[in-house]
Amino acid sequence: MSESSPIFAVILAAGKGTRMKSNRAKVLHTLCGVPMVNYVIDATRPLVPEGLFVVVGHQAELVEAVLPEDAKPVLQEEQHGTGDAVRVALAALEGEDEGILLVVNGDGPLISDKTLGELVERHSSAGVGATVLVAELEDPSGLGRVVEDAGVVRIVEERDATESQRQVRLVNLGLYAFKLSEIRSAIGGLTSENKSGELYLTDVLETIGRRSRAVTYKLKNPEEANLVNDRSQLARAEEILRRRILDTHMRHGVTVRDPASTHIEATVEIGRDTVILPGSLLRGQTSIGTDCVIGPSTDLQDTLVGNGALVEHSVGRGAEIGDRVSVGPYSFLRAGTVLEPGAKIGAYCEVKNSRVGAGSKVPHLSYVGDAEIGAGANLGAGTITANYDGEKKYRTMVKDGVFTGVNTNLIAPVTVGEDAYTGAGSVVNKDVPAGKLAVGAPARAIRESPQRRRKRAGRDGSAKNETEG
């Protein structure tokens, strides 16, 4: 077989995973925010496979929904074992007889592209019909044991193993490289004469071994041998992935003060010189700029954070936090929140579906929902937007330079004009004209606002100085 033989990758992802004790297919369980099967798919990509096939079965539609576009799902209508799964995949490869068939279990999220490359290289250089990835483990429980003798490799599933075979610590990791023509020929000879009544892919190894030899390749990095069959193994694998992710960020210039208490999902991006403080959880499509401080105890999901921002003891869900913005402690930014550069959201605030303008402040104890806050505004403590009348939600417009007194209630729909001012405890249910002071419940405009008066005084002073000059 030439070194340039085409590679066809098959991911086995049809099983239910009964030991997970879950209503969800095993390969759909996530590790650091990514479905288990997608880690395996990513590991095959550097080999540039001619075709990438994922055998689906249990909850097929749900599994197909998480697959990347370049992965072609192949349906195994009834789950009769790994041998049947490969048979289904080979049917999808009709007309292809030359090349390498790389078969990988979908429950091995820690496998690396480096290992898969070495497996294929070992297979190609040996010129054999089949190559099996194996590992020697201290605790081989739940895995098939490997017996190799004179070019013949046998895998004995644990449920079918004798007591002496159970003592063997060399195990099968469910990864194989086959000569495509050999696996096509051998797959039809499988039988279900075993305790589970399934077609085991491992049974073809003995057949191929006698015809064109089979060899093993021992895994170099034991971490990658952590297959996931139950929740305990899921947690163990996720911990390894979590640490890998943290190490990658730290090598790229991010400071993580306490890796043991910091959780960053695989899809998160973080700029250099940002500091992540203890107890922080960063998830989904969260992207953080440079020179930020995140945490302690901050939970951001699908949230964009600009450069130089501070977010402490707070929660973000689908929010946009601009450059040099300060958030927290103990604030909640809900979906649709946009904080423009230099804005401040202080302690115990909630912001939802609202834009807060550049340099504006919502210092503490406020709810801002469905609102547009202009630049340079200041919402006093306890200011809230009453955006819901029991049937519909309405928007509140707070223009540039507005100052609201403590405990102001803004009853939407309402507009507070530029440089307007509301007195403490005001209930604003009608528009406040620009540059006016409004007080009372309901609030009414009584005179010019302090900030408009200061601006006018400043203009008059400038004009007087110019005249005297």
Protein backbone atom coordinates (compact mmCIF):
# COMPACT_ATOMS: atom_id res chain seq x y z
CA MET A 1 0.00 0.00 0.00
CA SER A 2 1.51 3.34 -0.98
CA GLU A 3 2.03 6.16 1.46
CA SER A 4 -0.44 8.25 -0.50
CA SER A 5 -3.29 5.75 -0.10
CA PRO A 6 -6.56 7.59 0.51
CA ILE A 7 -7.89 7.51 4.06
CA PHE A 8 -11.58 7.08 4.86
CA ALA A 9 -12.50 7.83 8.48
CA VAL A 10 -15.48 6.18 10.18
CA ILE A 11 -16.65 7.34 13.62
CA LEU A 12 -18.84 4.88 15.51
CA ALA A 13 -21.55 6.90 17.26
CA ALA A 14 -24.70 4.78 17.05
CA GLY A 15 -24.79 3.25 20.53
CA LYS A 16 -27.03 4.23 23.43
CA GLY A 17 -24.39 4.01 26.14
CA THR A 18 -26.45 2.22 28.78
CA ARG A 19 -23.81 2.63 31.50
CA MET A 20 -24.26 6.41 31.29
CA LYS A 21 -27.75 5.92 32.81
CA SER A 22 -28.97 8.76 30.60
CA ASN A 23 -31.91 9.70 28.39
CA ARG A 24 -29.36 11.18 25.99
CA ALA A 25 -27.13 9.27 23.57
CA LYS A 26 -23.65 8.88 25.01
CA VAL A 27 -21.83 10.75 22.25
CA LEU A 28 -24.06 13.81 22.85
CA HIS A 29 -22.73 14.32 26.35
CA THR A 30 -20.51 17.36 26.38
CA LEU A 31 -17.01 17.92 27.69
CA CYS A 32 -16.04 21.56 28.14
CA GLY A 33 -19.07 22.58 26.10
CA VAL A 34 -18.46 20.35 23.06
CA PRO A 35 -20.28 17.07 22.28
CA MET A 36 -18.00 14.10 22.85
CA VAL A 37 -18.19 12.89 19.25
CA ASN A 38 -16.94 16.20 17.85
CA TYR A 39 -13.60 15.87 19.64
CA VAL A 40 -13.08 12.59 17.82
CA ILE A 41 -14.07 14.13 14.49
CA ASP A 42 -11.61 17.00 15.03
CA ALA A 43 -8.80 14.51 15.70
CA THR A 44 -9.29 12.93 12.26
CA ARG A 45 -9.14 16.17 10.28
CA PRO A 46 -5.34 16.62 10.11
CA LEU A 47 -5.17 13.26 8.32
CA VAL A 48 -7.21 14.90 5.53
CA PRO A 49 -9.53 11.93 5.05
CA GLU A 50 -11.02 11.39 1.62
CA GLY A 51 -14.32 10.85 3.36
CA LEU A 52 -15.51 11.38 6.96
CA PHE A 53 -18.46 9.22 7.99
CA VAL A 54 -20.29 9.09 11.32
CA VAL A 55 -22.43 6.01 11.97
CA VAL A 56 -25.53 7.14 13.87
CA GLY A 57 -28.36 5.10 15.34
CA HIS A 58 -29.77 5.81 18.79
CA GLN A 59 -31.26 9.35 18.72
CA ALA A 60 -29.85 9.69 15.20
CA GLU A 61 -31.49 13.03 14.46
CA LEU A 62 -30.11 14.61 17.63
CA VAL A 63 -26.62 13.31 16.91
CA GLU A 64 -26.77 14.51 13.30
CA ALA A 65 -27.76 17.97 14.52
CA VAL A 66 -24.43 18.47 16.34
CA LEU A 67 -22.17 17.12 13.59
CA PRO A 68 -20.01 19.52 11.56
CA GLU A 69 -20.86 20.00 7.90
CA ASP A 70 -18.00 17.87 6.59
CA ALA A 71 -19.14 14.79 8.55
CA LYS A 72 -21.55 12.57 6.62
CA PRO A 73 -24.02 10.67 8.84
CA VAL A 74 -24.71 7.04 7.99
CA LEU A 75 -27.75 5.45 9.65
CA GLN A 76 -27.49 2.10 11.44
CA GLU A 77 -31.21 1.46 11.81
CA GLU A 78 -30.84 -1.28 14.40
CA GLN A 79 -27.81 -1.45 16.67
CA HIS A 80 -26.40 -4.95 16.21
CA GLY A 81 -22.85 -4.14 17.30
CA THR A 82 -19.70 -2.48 16.02
CA GLY A 83 -19.27 -4.98 13.21
CA ASP A 84 -22.69 -4.12 11.84
CA ALA A 85 -21.89 -0.42 12.19
CA VAL A 86 -18.79 -0.78 10.01
CA ARG A 87 -20.77 -2.86 7.52
CA VAL A 88 -23.23 0.05 7.19
CA ALA A 89 -20.35 2.49 6.72
CA LEU A 90 -18.78 0.31 4.03
CA ALA A 91 -22.08 0.32 2.16
CA ALA A 92 -21.86 4.11 2.08
CA LEU A 93 -18.37 3.71 0.60
CA GLU A 94 -19.64 1.64 -2.31
CA GLY A 95 -17.16 1.58 -5.18
CA GLU A 96 -14.13 2.31 -3.00
CA ASP A 97 -11.77 -0.65 -2.63
CA GLU A 98 -8.36 0.94 -2.35
CA GLY A 99 -7.08 2.86 0.65
CA ILE A 100 -7.19 2.79 4.44
CA LEU A 101 -10.33 2.59 6.54
CA LEU A 102 -9.72 4.34 9.87
CA VAL A 103 -12.33 3.28 12.44
CA VAL A 104 -12.59 5.31 15.65
CA ASN A 105 -15.02 4.98 18.54
CA GLY A 106 -17.02 8.13 19.21
CA ASP A 107 -16.53 7.80 22.98
CA GLY A 108 -12.79 8.58 23.02
CA PRO A 109 -12.69 12.39 23.22
CA LEU A 110 -9.07 12.53 24.37
CA ILE A 111 -7.59 10.85 21.31
CA SER A 112 -5.18 13.14 19.45
CA ASP A 113 -4.54 13.66 15.76
CA LYS A 114 -0.90 12.78 16.51
CA THR A 115 -1.86 9.30 17.73
CA LEU A 116 -4.18 8.69 14.80
CA GLY A 117 -1.41 9.74 12.43
CA GLU A 118 1.03 7.35 14.11
CA LEU A 119 -1.52 4.53 13.90
CA VAL A 120 -1.96 5.06 10.14
CA GLU A 121 1.81 5.34 9.67
CA ARG A 122 2.37 2.07 11.55
CA HIS A 123 -0.29 0.39 9.42
CA SER A 124 1.16 1.67 6.14
CA SER A 125 4.76 0.85 6.95
CA ALA A 126 3.91 -2.68 8.17
CA GLY A 127 1.99 -3.47 5.00
CA VAL A 128 -0.62 -5.44 6.92
CA GLY A 129 -4.36 -5.93 6.67
CA ALA A 130 -5.24 -4.47 10.07
CA THR A 131 -3.64 -2.43 12.84
CA VAL A 132 -5.16 -2.05 16.32
CA LEU A 133 -4.46 0.74 18.80
CA VAL A 134 -3.84 -0.76 22.25
CA ALA A 135 -2.86 0.47 25.68
CA GLU A 136 -1.59 -1.15 28.85
CA LEU A 137 -3.69 0.02 31.79
CA GLU A 138 -3.51 -0.47 35.53
CA ASP A 139 -7.29 -0.88 35.59
CA PRO A 140 -8.59 -2.39 32.33
CA SER A 141 -12.16 -2.81 33.62
CA GLY A 142 -14.85 -2.64 30.95
CA LEU A 143 -12.47 -2.92 27.99
CA GLY A 144 -11.72 -5.77 25.60
CA ARG A 145 -8.44 -7.62 26.29
CA VAL A 146 -5.85 -8.00 23.52
CA VAL A 147 -4.06 -11.24 22.71
CA GLU A 148 -1.43 -11.13 19.93
CA ASP A 149 0.32 -14.15 18.46
CA ALA A 150 2.27 -14.53 15.21
CA GLY A 151 0.45 -11.93 13.16
CA VAL A 152 -2.97 -12.76 14.58
CA VAL A 153 -4.65 -10.34 16.98
CA ARG A 154 -7.62 -11.42 19.07
CA ILE A 155 -9.81 -9.11 21.14
CA VAL A 156 -11.84 -10.73 23.90
CA GLU A 157 -14.69 -8.55 25.18
CA GLU A 158 -14.78 -8.41 28.97
CA ARG A 159 -18.23 -10.00 29.16
CA ASP A 160 -16.93 -12.98 27.16
CA ALA A 161 -13.49 -13.22 28.82
CA THR A 162 -12.34 -16.05 31.05
CA GLU A 163 -10.94 -15.27 34.49
CA SER A 164 -7.35 -15.57 33.23
CA GLN A 165 -8.08 -13.31 30.24
CA ARG A 166 -9.51 -10.68 32.58
CA GLN A 167 -6.06 -10.45 34.19
CA VAL A 168 -4.55 -9.19 30.93
CA ARG A 169 -3.87 -5.44 31.12
CA LEU A 170 -3.37 -4.84 27.39
CA VAL A 171 -6.67 -3.45 26.13
CA ASN A 172 -8.36 -2.49 22.90
CA LEU A 173 -9.18 1.22 22.56
CA GLY A 174 -11.62 0.82 19.69
CA LEU A 175 -9.38 2.40 17.04
CA TYR A 176 -8.34 0.49 13.94
CA ALA A 177 -6.67 1.00 10.59
CA PHE A 178 -7.77 -1.51 7.96
CA LYS A 179 -6.75 -2.16 4.41
CA LEU A 180 -10.05 -1.30 2.76
CA SER A 181 -10.19 -4.36 0.53
CA GLU A 182 -9.45 -6.65 3.51
CA ILE A 183 -12.17 -5.26 5.76
CA ARG A 184 -14.69 -5.47 2.92
CA SER A 185 -13.88 -9.13 2.45
CA ALA A 186 -13.88 -10.01 6.15
CA ILE A 187 -16.94 -8.10 7.37
CA GLY A 188 -19.40 -10.46 5.71
CA GLY A 189 -18.10 -13.41 7.71
CA LEU A 190 -19.06 -12.02 11.11
CA THR A 191 -21.48 -13.97 13.29
CA SER A 192 -23.33 -13.09 16.49
CA GLU A 193 -22.26 -16.19 18.41
CA ASN A 194 -21.42 -14.45 21.67
CA LYS A 195 -23.17 -13.58 24.92
CA SER A 196 -24.56 -10.28 23.66
CA GLY A 197 -25.74 -11.62 20.31
CA GLU A 198 -24.01 -8.77 18.47
CA LEU A 199 -21.60 -8.55 15.55
CA TYR A 200 -18.22 -7.61 17.02
CA LEU A 201 -15.87 -5.71 14.74
CA THR A 202 -13.01 -7.21 16.75
CA ASP A 203 -13.80 -10.66 15.33
CA VAL A 204 -12.54 -9.63 11.88
CA LEU A 205 -9.02 -9.19 13.25
CA GLU A 206 -8.46 -12.91 13.54
CA THR A 207 -9.72 -13.48 10.00
CA ILE A 208 -7.61 -10.69 8.52
CA GLY A 209 -4.61 -11.72 10.63
CA ARG A 210 -4.57 -15.21 9.17
CA ARG A 211 -4.87 -13.84 5.64
CA SER A 212 -2.64 -10.73 5.59
CA ARG A 213 -1.43 -10.26 9.17
CA ALA A 214 -2.65 -7.90 11.87
CA VAL A 215 -0.47 -5.91 14.26
CA THR A 216 -0.92 -3.65 17.27
CA TYR A 217 0.30 -0.15 17.96
CA LYS A 218 0.76 0.80 21.60
CA LEU A 219 -0.51 4.20 22.70
CA LYS A 220 2.27 6.52 23.87
CA ASN A 221 0.21 8.98 25.92
CA PRO A 222 -1.86 7.07 28.51
CA GLU A 223 -4.14 10.09 28.99
CA GLU A 224 -5.71 9.37 25.64
CA ALA A 225 -6.84 5.94 26.83
CA ASN A 226 -9.60 7.50 28.93
CA LEU A 227 -12.67 6.25 27.10
CA VAL A 228 -16.08 7.37 28.37
CA ASN A 229 -18.59 4.70 29.36
CA ASP A 230 -20.10 6.18 32.54
CA ARG A 231 -20.44 9.51 34.36
CA SER A 232 -17.32 8.98 36.42
CA GLN A 233 -15.22 8.48 33.29
CA LEU A 234 -16.93 11.49 31.71
CA ALA A 235 -15.83 13.67 34.63
CA ARG A 236 -12.29 12.29 34.47
CA ALA A 237 -12.00 12.98 30.74
CA GLU A 238 -13.47 16.47 31.11
CA GLU A 239 -10.96 17.32 33.83
CA ILE A 240 -8.10 16.38 31.48
CA LEU A 241 -9.60 18.45 28.65
CA ARG A 242 -10.25 21.38 30.99
CA ARG A 243 -6.61 21.45 32.03
CA ARG A 244 -5.48 21.23 28.40
CA ILE A 245 -7.64 24.23 27.55
CA LEU A 246 -6.30 26.25 30.48
CA ASP A 247 -2.71 25.38 29.59
CA THR A 248 -3.27 26.54 26.01
CA HIS A 249 -4.66 29.90 27.16
CA MET A 250 -1.81 30.38 29.62
CA ARG A 251 0.78 29.61 26.95
CA HIS A 252 -0.84 32.31 24.81
CA GLY A 253 -0.49 35.01 27.45
CA VAL A 254 -3.56 34.67 29.68
CA THR A 255 -3.10 34.61 33.45
CA VAL A 256 -5.27 32.06 35.27
CA ARG A 257 -4.84 32.64 39.00
CA ASP A 258 -6.37 29.37 40.17
CA PRO A 259 -6.65 26.70 37.46
CA ALA A 260 -8.28 24.28 39.89
CA SER A 261 -11.38 26.47 40.26
CA THR A 262 -11.51 27.94 36.74
CA HIS A 263 -13.62 26.38 33.98
CA ILE A 264 -13.18 27.55 30.38
CA GLU A 265 -14.97 25.76 27.57
CA ALA A 266 -13.24 24.78 24.35
CA THR A 267 -14.96 27.44 22.22
CA VAL A 268 -13.95 30.45 24.36
CA GLU A 269 -11.42 33.01 23.08
CA ILE A 270 -9.30 35.18 25.41
CA GLY A 271 -6.81 37.93 24.57
CA ARG A 272 -3.34 38.26 26.03
CA ASP A 273 -2.67 39.93 29.40
CA THR A 274 -6.19 39.20 30.56
CA VAL A 275 -6.42 37.84 34.11
CA ILE A 276 -8.97 35.19 35.03
CA LEU A 277 -9.60 35.14 38.79
CA PRO A 278 -10.73 32.11 40.84
CA GLY A 279 -14.18 30.60 40.50
CA SER A 280 -14.84 31.85 36.97
CA LEU A 281 -16.85 29.92 34.37
CA LEU A 282 -16.52 30.96 30.70
CA ARG A 283 -18.78 29.16 28.23
CA GLY A 284 -20.11 28.95 24.70
CA GLN A 285 -19.09 31.61 22.19
CA THR A 286 -17.67 33.93 24.83
CA SER A 287 -14.83 36.10 23.52
CA ILE A 288 -12.71 38.27 25.82
CA GLY A 289 -10.30 40.98 24.70
CA THR A 290 -6.90 41.96 26.01
CA ASP A 291 -5.99 43.44 29.41
CA CYS A 292 -9.25 42.45 31.07
CA VAL A 293 -9.89 41.24 34.60
CA ILE A 294 -12.60 38.57 34.78
CA GLY A 295 -13.76 37.36 38.16
CA PRO A 296 -13.63 36.25 40.79
CA SER A 297 -16.76 34.10 40.57
CA THR A 298 -17.92 35.33 37.17
CA ASP A 299 -20.09 33.28 34.79
CA LEU A 300 -20.12 34.39 31.14
CA GLN A 301 -21.91 32.52 28.35
CA ASP A 302 -21.97 33.67 24.71
CA THR A 303 -20.75 37.06 25.89
CA LEU A 304 -18.38 39.43 24.10
CA VAL A 305 -15.98 41.44 26.26
CA GLY A 306 -13.88 44.29 24.87
CA ASN A 307 -10.37 45.32 25.84
CA GLY A 308 -9.57 46.56 29.34
CA ALA A 309 -12.91 45.54 30.85
CA LEU A 310 -13.54 44.50 34.46
CA VAL A 311 -16.26 41.94 35.23
CA GLU A 312 -16.41 40.72 38.82
CA HIS A 313 -18.84 38.45 40.68
CA SER A 314 -21.32 38.76 37.81
CA VAL A 315 -23.26 36.76 35.22
CA GLY A 316 -23.48 37.45 31.48
CA ARG A 317 -25.76 35.73 28.97
CA GLY A 318 -25.48 36.84 25.35
CA ALA A 319 -24.26 40.31 26.31
CA GLU A 320 -21.77 42.69 24.70
CA ILE A 321 -19.39 44.45 27.07
CA GLY A 322 -17.37 47.23 25.44
CA ASP A 323 -13.84 48.47 26.01
CA ARG A 324 -13.03 49.73 29.51
CA VAL A 325 -16.47 48.80 30.85
CA SER A 326 -16.85 47.94 34.53
CA VAL A 327 -19.45 45.39 35.65
CA GLY A 328 -20.29 44.27 39.17
CA PRO A 329 -20.07 43.00 41.70
CA TYR A 330 -23.21 40.86 41.66
CA SER A 331 -24.84 42.04 38.45
CA PHE A 332 -26.72 40.13 35.75
CA LEU A 333 -26.40 41.01 32.06
CA ARG A 334 -29.10 39.24 30.08
CA ALA A 335 -29.42 38.61 26.36
CA GLY A 336 -29.43 41.70 24.17
CA THR A 337 -27.45 43.84 26.59
CA VAL A 338 -24.90 46.15 24.92
CA LEU A 339 -22.59 48.22 27.10
CA GLU A 340 -20.71 50.84 25.11
CA PRO A 341 -17.10 51.84 25.91
CA GLY A 342 -16.49 53.25 29.37
CA ALA A 343 -19.94 52.40 30.72
CA LYS A 344 -20.39 51.17 34.27
CA ILE A 345 -22.87 48.66 35.68
CA GLY A 346 -22.44 48.60 39.44
CA ALA A 347 -23.52 46.31 42.25
CA TYR A 348 -26.79 44.36 42.20
CA CYS A 349 -28.02 45.51 38.80
CA GLU A 350 -29.86 43.64 36.06
CA VAL A 351 -29.76 44.74 32.43
CA LYS A 352 -31.81 43.05 29.71
CA ASN A 353 -32.18 43.80 25.99
CA SER A 354 -30.83 47.29 26.51
CA ARG A 355 -28.06 49.54 25.23
CA VAL A 356 -26.13 51.63 27.74
CA GLY A 357 -24.24 54.48 26.07
CA ALA A 358 -20.58 55.39 26.30
CA GLY A 359 -19.55 56.59 29.74
CA SER A 360 -23.01 56.10 31.22
CA LYS A 361 -23.42 54.73 34.74
CA VAL A 362 -25.95 52.42 36.32
CA PRO A 363 -24.15 52.30 39.66
CA HIS A 364 -26.30 50.08 41.88
CA LEU A 365 -29.60 48.36 42.67
CA SER A 366 -31.23 49.03 39.29
CA TYR A 367 -33.21 47.12 36.68
CA VAL A 368 -32.85 48.30 33.09
CA GLY A 369 -34.95 46.34 30.63
CA ASP A 370 -35.83 47.09 27.00
CA ALA A 371 -34.16 50.50 27.18
CA GLU A 372 -31.86 52.82 25.27
CA ILE A 373 -29.57 54.78 27.57
CA GLY A 374 -27.64 57.56 25.87
CA ALA A 375 -24.05 58.65 26.48
CA GLY A 376 -22.94 60.26 29.72
CA ALA A 377 -26.15 59.41 31.62
CA ASN A 378 -26.34 58.53 35.31
CA LEU A 379 -29.12 56.37 36.73
CA GLY A 380 -29.41 56.82 40.47
CA ALA A 381 -29.63 53.92 42.91
CA GLY A 382 -32.87 51.98 42.62
CA THR A 383 -33.83 53.34 39.19
CA ILE A 384 -35.97 50.83 37.32
CA THR A 385 -37.67 50.61 33.95
CA ALA A 386 -41.21 49.24 34.27
CA ASN A 387 -41.29 47.72 30.79
CA TYR A 388 -44.19 45.26 31.09
CA ASP A 389 -47.86 46.12 31.55
CA GLY A 390 -49.03 42.54 31.94
CA GLU A 391 -49.60 42.03 28.22
CA LYS A 392 -46.84 43.73 26.24
CA LYS A 393 -43.32 44.99 26.75
CA TYR A 394 -42.37 48.55 25.85
CA ARG A 395 -39.13 50.47 25.46
CA THR A 396 -37.73 53.29 27.54
CA MET A 397 -35.56 56.00 25.96
CA VAL A 398 -33.11 57.85 28.19
CA LYS A 399 -31.17 60.43 26.19
CA ASP A 400 -27.61 61.72 26.55
CA GLY A 401 -26.68 63.41 29.81
CA VAL A 402 -29.80 62.38 31.76
CA PHE A 403 -29.55 62.16 35.55
CA THR A 404 -32.18 60.21 37.48
CA GLY A 405 -32.60 60.57 41.23
CA VAL A 406 -32.69 57.56 43.52
CA ASN A 407 -35.70 55.25 43.26
CA THR A 408 -36.91 56.71 39.98
CA ASN A 409 -39.51 54.55 38.21
CA LEU A 410 -39.64 54.89 34.42
CA ILE A 411 -43.00 53.58 33.17
CA ALA A 412 -42.57 52.51 29.53
CA PRO A 413 -43.16 53.59 26.87
CA VAL A 414 -41.52 56.84 27.89
CA THR A 415 -38.69 59.14 26.80
CA VAL A 416 -36.51 61.23 29.09
CA GLY A 417 -35.00 64.00 26.99
CA GLU A 418 -31.37 65.06 26.75
CA ASP A 419 -29.95 66.62 29.95
CA ALA A 420 -33.22 66.03 31.81
CA TYR A 421 -33.23 65.35 35.56
CA THR A 422 -35.69 63.40 37.71
CA GLY A 423 -36.07 63.94 41.42
CA ALA A 424 -35.76 61.16 43.98
CA GLY A 425 -38.75 58.82 44.03
CA SER A 426 -40.23 60.15 40.79
CA VAL A 427 -42.71 58.03 38.85
CA VAL A 428 -42.23 59.00 35.22
CA ASN A 429 -45.15 57.91 33.04
CA LYS A 430 -45.00 60.77 30.52
CA ASP A 431 -42.13 62.08 28.43
CA VAL A 432 -39.78 64.50 30.16
CA PRO A 433 -38.69 67.34 27.84
CA ALA A 434 -34.99 67.88 27.22
CA GLY A 435 -33.25 70.03 29.81
CA LYS A 436 -36.09 69.89 32.34
CA LEU A 437 -36.29 68.82 36.00
CA ALA A 438 -39.24 66.50 36.65
CA VAL A 439 -40.42 65.48 40.13
CA GLY A 440 -43.31 63.74 41.81
CA ALA A 441 -45.64 60.78 41.31
CA PRO A 442 -46.60 61.13 38.59
CA ALA A 443 -43.63 63.28 37.66
CA ARG A 444 -44.10 66.69 36.08
CA ALA A 445 -41.54 69.12 34.70
CA ILE A 446 -41.16 72.16 36.96
CA ARG A 447 -38.04 73.99 35.81
CA GLU A 448 -34.74 73.80 34.00
CA SER A 449 -32.54 70.85 34.96
CA PRO A 450 -29.33 71.44 36.91
CA GLN A 451 -27.10 70.08 34.17
CA ARG A 452 -28.77 72.18 31.46
CA ARG A 453 -28.36 75.25 33.72
CA ARG A 454 -24.68 74.47 34.19
CA LYS A 455 -24.20 74.06 30.45
CA ARG A 456 -25.97 77.36 29.80
CA ALA A 457 -23.90 79.08 32.44
CA GLY A 458 -20.77 77.68 30.87
CA ARG A 459 -21.78 78.96 27.43
CA ASP A 460 -22.68 82.38 28.81
CA GLY A 461 -19.36 82.57 30.66
CA SER A 462 -17.45 81.65 27.53
CA ALA A 463 -19.33 84.23 25.49
CA LYS A 464 -18.66 86.91 28.14
CA ASN A 465 -14.94 86.08 28.21
CA GLU A 466 -14.78 86.27 24.42
CA THR A 467 -16.53 89.69 24.48
CA GLU A 468 -14.24 91.04 27.19
CA GLY A 469 -11.21 89.67 25.38
